């Protein structure tokens, strides 16, 4: 499996939706971007750390990380290796002992950000899910297959009410694909 190193770039709220944010990762070359949906609580957690608030060093993730670092002489990596039903499958990988622990993608990116852990993504997944990156861009593209089913349903209702039938058709197709996938498992 070929891996590509990614770098946390930013976290943004979605205009008009207070419950959802977007994490933006960029490859090291700065040519491809990967957008990842997260909840408002994760946006808050990132903003708290980006503001360098004094309390951050006393928060549970940072304290537990200090315990891990002081107890173990090991390297860690975050590896994003799949996408299932709109959720990136992510591992906290320990190459020294060849073991991995599943972790929610947004939590893994937060941990990688404050603990300075490298982030990797499976190359074919990056090629499927990413778009070209431009430093000057003010918009962020989000592939429809990384949006939760609930968000897709709301977006479909909005597209229909705004008579945007092309977008509604794409959203409906994704919902049907997920429904078929769920019934096959």
Protein backbone atom coordinates (compact mmCIF):
# COMPACT_ATOMS: atom_id res chain seq x y z
CA UNK A 1 0.00 0.00 0.00
CA UNK A 2 1.46 3.35 -1.07
CA UNK A 3 0.98 6.19 1.41
CA UNK A 4 1.04 9.95 0.86
CA UNK A 5 1.92 12.34 3.67
CA UNK A 6 -0.70 14.96 4.46
CA UNK A 7 -0.57 18.15 6.51
CA UNK A 8 -3.37 19.74 8.50
CA UNK A 9 -4.21 23.06 6.84
CA UNK A 10 -7.33 24.48 8.47
CA UNK A 11 -10.73 23.97 10.03
CA UNK A 12 -13.73 25.94 8.83
CA UNK A 13 -17.41 26.14 9.65
CA UNK A 14 -19.92 25.59 6.90
CA UNK A 15 -21.85 28.79 6.24
CA UNK A 16 -25.48 28.32 7.18
CA UNK A 17 -24.86 25.12 9.17
CA UNK A 18 -23.67 25.58 12.74
CA UNK A 19 -23.48 21.84 13.39
CA UNK A 20 -20.81 20.94 10.85
CA UNK A 21 -17.27 21.93 10.00
CA UNK A 22 -14.68 20.99 7.41
CA UNK A 23 -11.13 19.89 8.16
CA UNK A 24 -8.76 20.57 5.31
CA UNK A 25 -5.66 18.46 4.72
CA UNK A 26 -3.12 19.16 1.98
CA UNK A 27 -0.43 16.89 0.60
CA UNK A 28 3.17 17.91 1.36
CA UNK A 29 3.66 19.21 -2.19
CA UNK A 30 0.67 21.52 -1.75
CA UNK A 31 -1.04 20.27 -4.90
CA UNK A 32 -4.01 18.21 -3.58
CA UNK A 33 -6.53 18.90 -0.83
CA UNK A 34 -8.72 16.51 1.10
CA UNK A 35 -11.83 17.77 2.88
CA UNK A 36 -13.19 15.95 5.89
CA UNK A 37 -16.52 16.67 7.57
CA UNK A 38 -16.48 17.09 11.35
CA UNK A 39 -18.97 18.15 14.00
CA UNK A 40 -19.17 21.55 15.71
CA UNK A 41 -17.51 20.17 18.83
CA UNK A 42 -14.41 19.24 16.84
CA UNK A 43 -14.34 22.72 15.26
CA UNK A 44 -14.36 24.10 18.81
CA UNK A 45 -11.53 21.77 19.88
CA UNK A 46 -9.35 22.87 16.97
CA UNK A 47 -10.10 26.55 17.54
CA UNK A 48 -9.25 26.18 21.22
CA UNK A 49 -5.82 24.79 20.34
CA UNK A 50 -5.22 27.26 17.53
CA UNK A 51 -5.89 30.13 19.95
CA UNK A 52 -3.17 28.68 22.21
CA UNK A 53 -5.37 29.04 25.28
CA UNK A 54 -3.50 28.30 28.52
CA UNK A 55 -5.99 25.64 29.55
CA UNK A 56 -5.14 23.43 26.56
CA UNK A 57 -2.16 21.81 28.31
CA UNK A 58 -4.49 20.61 31.05
CA UNK A 59 -7.15 19.08 28.79
CA UNK A 60 -7.59 15.31 28.75
CA UNK A 61 -6.19 14.62 25.24
CA UNK A 62 -3.00 16.58 25.93
CA UNK A 63 -2.53 15.09 29.40
CA UNK A 64 -3.06 11.53 28.16
CA UNK A 65 -0.68 12.16 25.28
CA UNK A 66 2.01 13.29 27.75
CA UNK A 67 1.50 10.07 29.70
CA UNK A 68 1.90 8.03 26.51
CA UNK A 69 5.01 9.91 25.41
CA UNK A 70 6.65 9.58 28.83
CA UNK A 71 5.75 5.89 29.15
CA UNK A 72 6.54 4.61 25.68
CA UNK A 73 9.49 5.15 23.42
CA UNK A 74 7.51 4.64 20.24
CA UNK A 75 6.70 6.35 16.99
CA UNK A 76 3.08 6.96 15.95
CA UNK A 77 1.37 7.72 12.64
CA UNK A 78 -2.16 8.52 11.61
CA UNK A 79 -3.18 6.46 8.57
CA UNK A 80 -6.38 7.14 6.62
CA UNK A 81 -7.00 4.00 4.62
CA UNK A 82 -10.64 3.74 3.52
CA UNK A 83 -13.98 5.46 3.17
CA UNK A 84 -17.13 3.60 4.20
CA UNK A 85 -20.60 5.17 4.16
CA UNK A 86 -19.26 8.70 4.26
CA UNK A 87 -16.77 8.07 7.07
CA UNK A 88 -13.02 7.94 6.63
CA UNK A 89 -11.54 4.85 8.28
CA UNK A 90 -8.49 5.92 10.23
CA UNK A 91 -5.88 4.17 12.33
CA UNK A 92 -3.42 5.28 14.96
CA UNK A 93 -0.53 3.17 13.74
CA UNK A 94 2.52 2.16 15.75
CA UNK A 95 5.17 1.09 13.20
CA UNK A 96 7.63 -0.05 15.89
CA UNK A 97 5.31 -2.88 16.93
CA UNK A 98 3.24 -3.14 13.72
CA UNK A 99 -0.05 -2.50 15.50
CA UNK A 100 -2.90 -0.13 14.81
CA UNK A 101 -5.90 1.14 16.75
CA UNK A 102 -9.02 2.42 14.95
CA UNK A 103 -9.78 6.07 15.72
CA UNK A 104 -12.36 8.56 14.49
CA UNK A 105 -10.78 10.56 11.66
CA UNK A 106 -11.37 14.02 13.13
CA UNK A 107 -9.97 12.91 16.51
CA UNK A 108 -6.92 11.49 14.75
CA UNK A 109 -6.31 14.78 12.92
CA UNK A 110 -6.66 16.72 16.19
CA UNK A 111 -4.20 14.37 17.91
CA UNK A 112 -1.79 14.62 14.98
CA UNK A 113 -2.02 18.40 15.08
CA UNK A 114 -1.13 18.91 18.73
CA UNK A 115 1.16 15.87 19.13
CA UNK A 116 3.07 16.50 15.87
CA UNK A 117 2.26 13.00 14.56
CA UNK A 118 2.60 12.51 10.78
CA UNK A 119 -0.62 11.96 8.82
CA UNK A 120 -0.73 9.58 5.86
CA UNK A 121 -3.46 8.55 3.43
CA UNK A 122 -3.60 5.59 1.10
CA UNK A 123 -2.60 6.97 -2.31
CA UNK A 124 -5.52 5.60 -4.34
CA UNK A 125 -7.97 6.98 -1.75
CA UNK A 126 -6.33 10.40 -1.97
CA UNK A 127 -6.58 10.34 -5.76
CA UNK A 128 -10.28 9.41 -5.57
CA UNK A 129 -11.26 11.89 -2.86
CA UNK A 130 -9.02 14.91 -3.31
CA UNK A 131 -9.21 17.93 -5.56
CA UNK A 132 -6.47 20.29 -6.73
CA UNK A 133 -5.34 22.69 -4.01
CA UNK A 134 -4.92 26.41 -4.50
CA UNK A 135 -3.68 28.67 -1.70
CA UNK A 136 -5.84 31.52 -3.06
CA UNK A 137 -9.08 29.53 -3.13
CA UNK A 138 -11.82 30.78 -0.81
CA UNK A 139 -14.10 27.76 -1.36
CA UNK A 140 -13.60 24.18 -0.23
CA UNK A 141 -14.87 21.21 -2.24
CA UNK A 142 -16.40 18.34 -0.31
CA UNK A 143 -17.04 15.04 -2.11
CA UNK A 144 -20.65 13.95 -1.63
CA UNK A 145 -19.53 10.53 -0.40
CA UNK A 146 -18.03 12.03 2.78
CA UNK A 147 -21.23 13.74 3.87
CA UNK A 148 -23.39 11.96 6.42
CA UNK A 149 -26.68 10.45 5.29
CA UNK A 150 -28.62 12.92 7.44
CA UNK A 151 -26.78 15.85 5.82
CA UNK A 152 -27.45 14.38 2.37
CA UNK A 153 -31.18 14.20 3.09
CA UNK A 154 -31.24 17.84 4.23
CA UNK A 155 -29.22 18.89 1.16
CA UNK A 156 -31.62 16.95 -1.10
CA UNK A 157 -34.64 18.70 0.44
CA UNK A 158 -32.94 22.07 -0.03
CA UNK A 159 -31.93 21.32 -3.64
CA UNK A 160 -35.53 20.33 -4.46
CA UNK A 161 -36.97 23.43 -2.78
CA UNK A 162 -34.52 25.60 -4.76
CA UNK A 163 -35.38 23.68 -7.95
CA UNK A 164 -31.75 22.64 -8.40
CA UNK A 165 -32.71 19.32 -9.98
CA UNK A 166 -29.24 18.37 -11.21
CA UNK A 167 -27.82 18.57 -7.70
CA UNK A 168 -30.93 16.85 -6.31
CA UNK A 169 -30.39 13.99 -8.75
CA UNK A 170 -26.77 13.53 -7.65
CA UNK A 171 -27.74 13.59 -3.99
CA UNK A 172 -30.57 11.11 -4.57
CA UNK A 173 -28.17 8.77 -6.41
CA UNK A 174 -25.74 8.84 -3.48
CA UNK A 175 -28.55 8.14 -1.00
CA UNK A 176 -29.73 5.21 -3.14
CA UNK A 177 -26.19 3.85 -3.40
CA UNK A 178 -25.85 3.95 0.39
CA UNK A 179 -29.24 2.33 0.87
CA UNK A 180 -28.26 -0.55 -1.46
CA UNK A 181 -24.91 -0.88 0.31
CA UNK A 182 -26.62 -1.11 3.72
CA UNK A 183 -29.11 -3.72 2.50
CA UNK A 184 -26.26 -5.87 1.09
CA UNK A 185 -24.46 -6.04 4.46
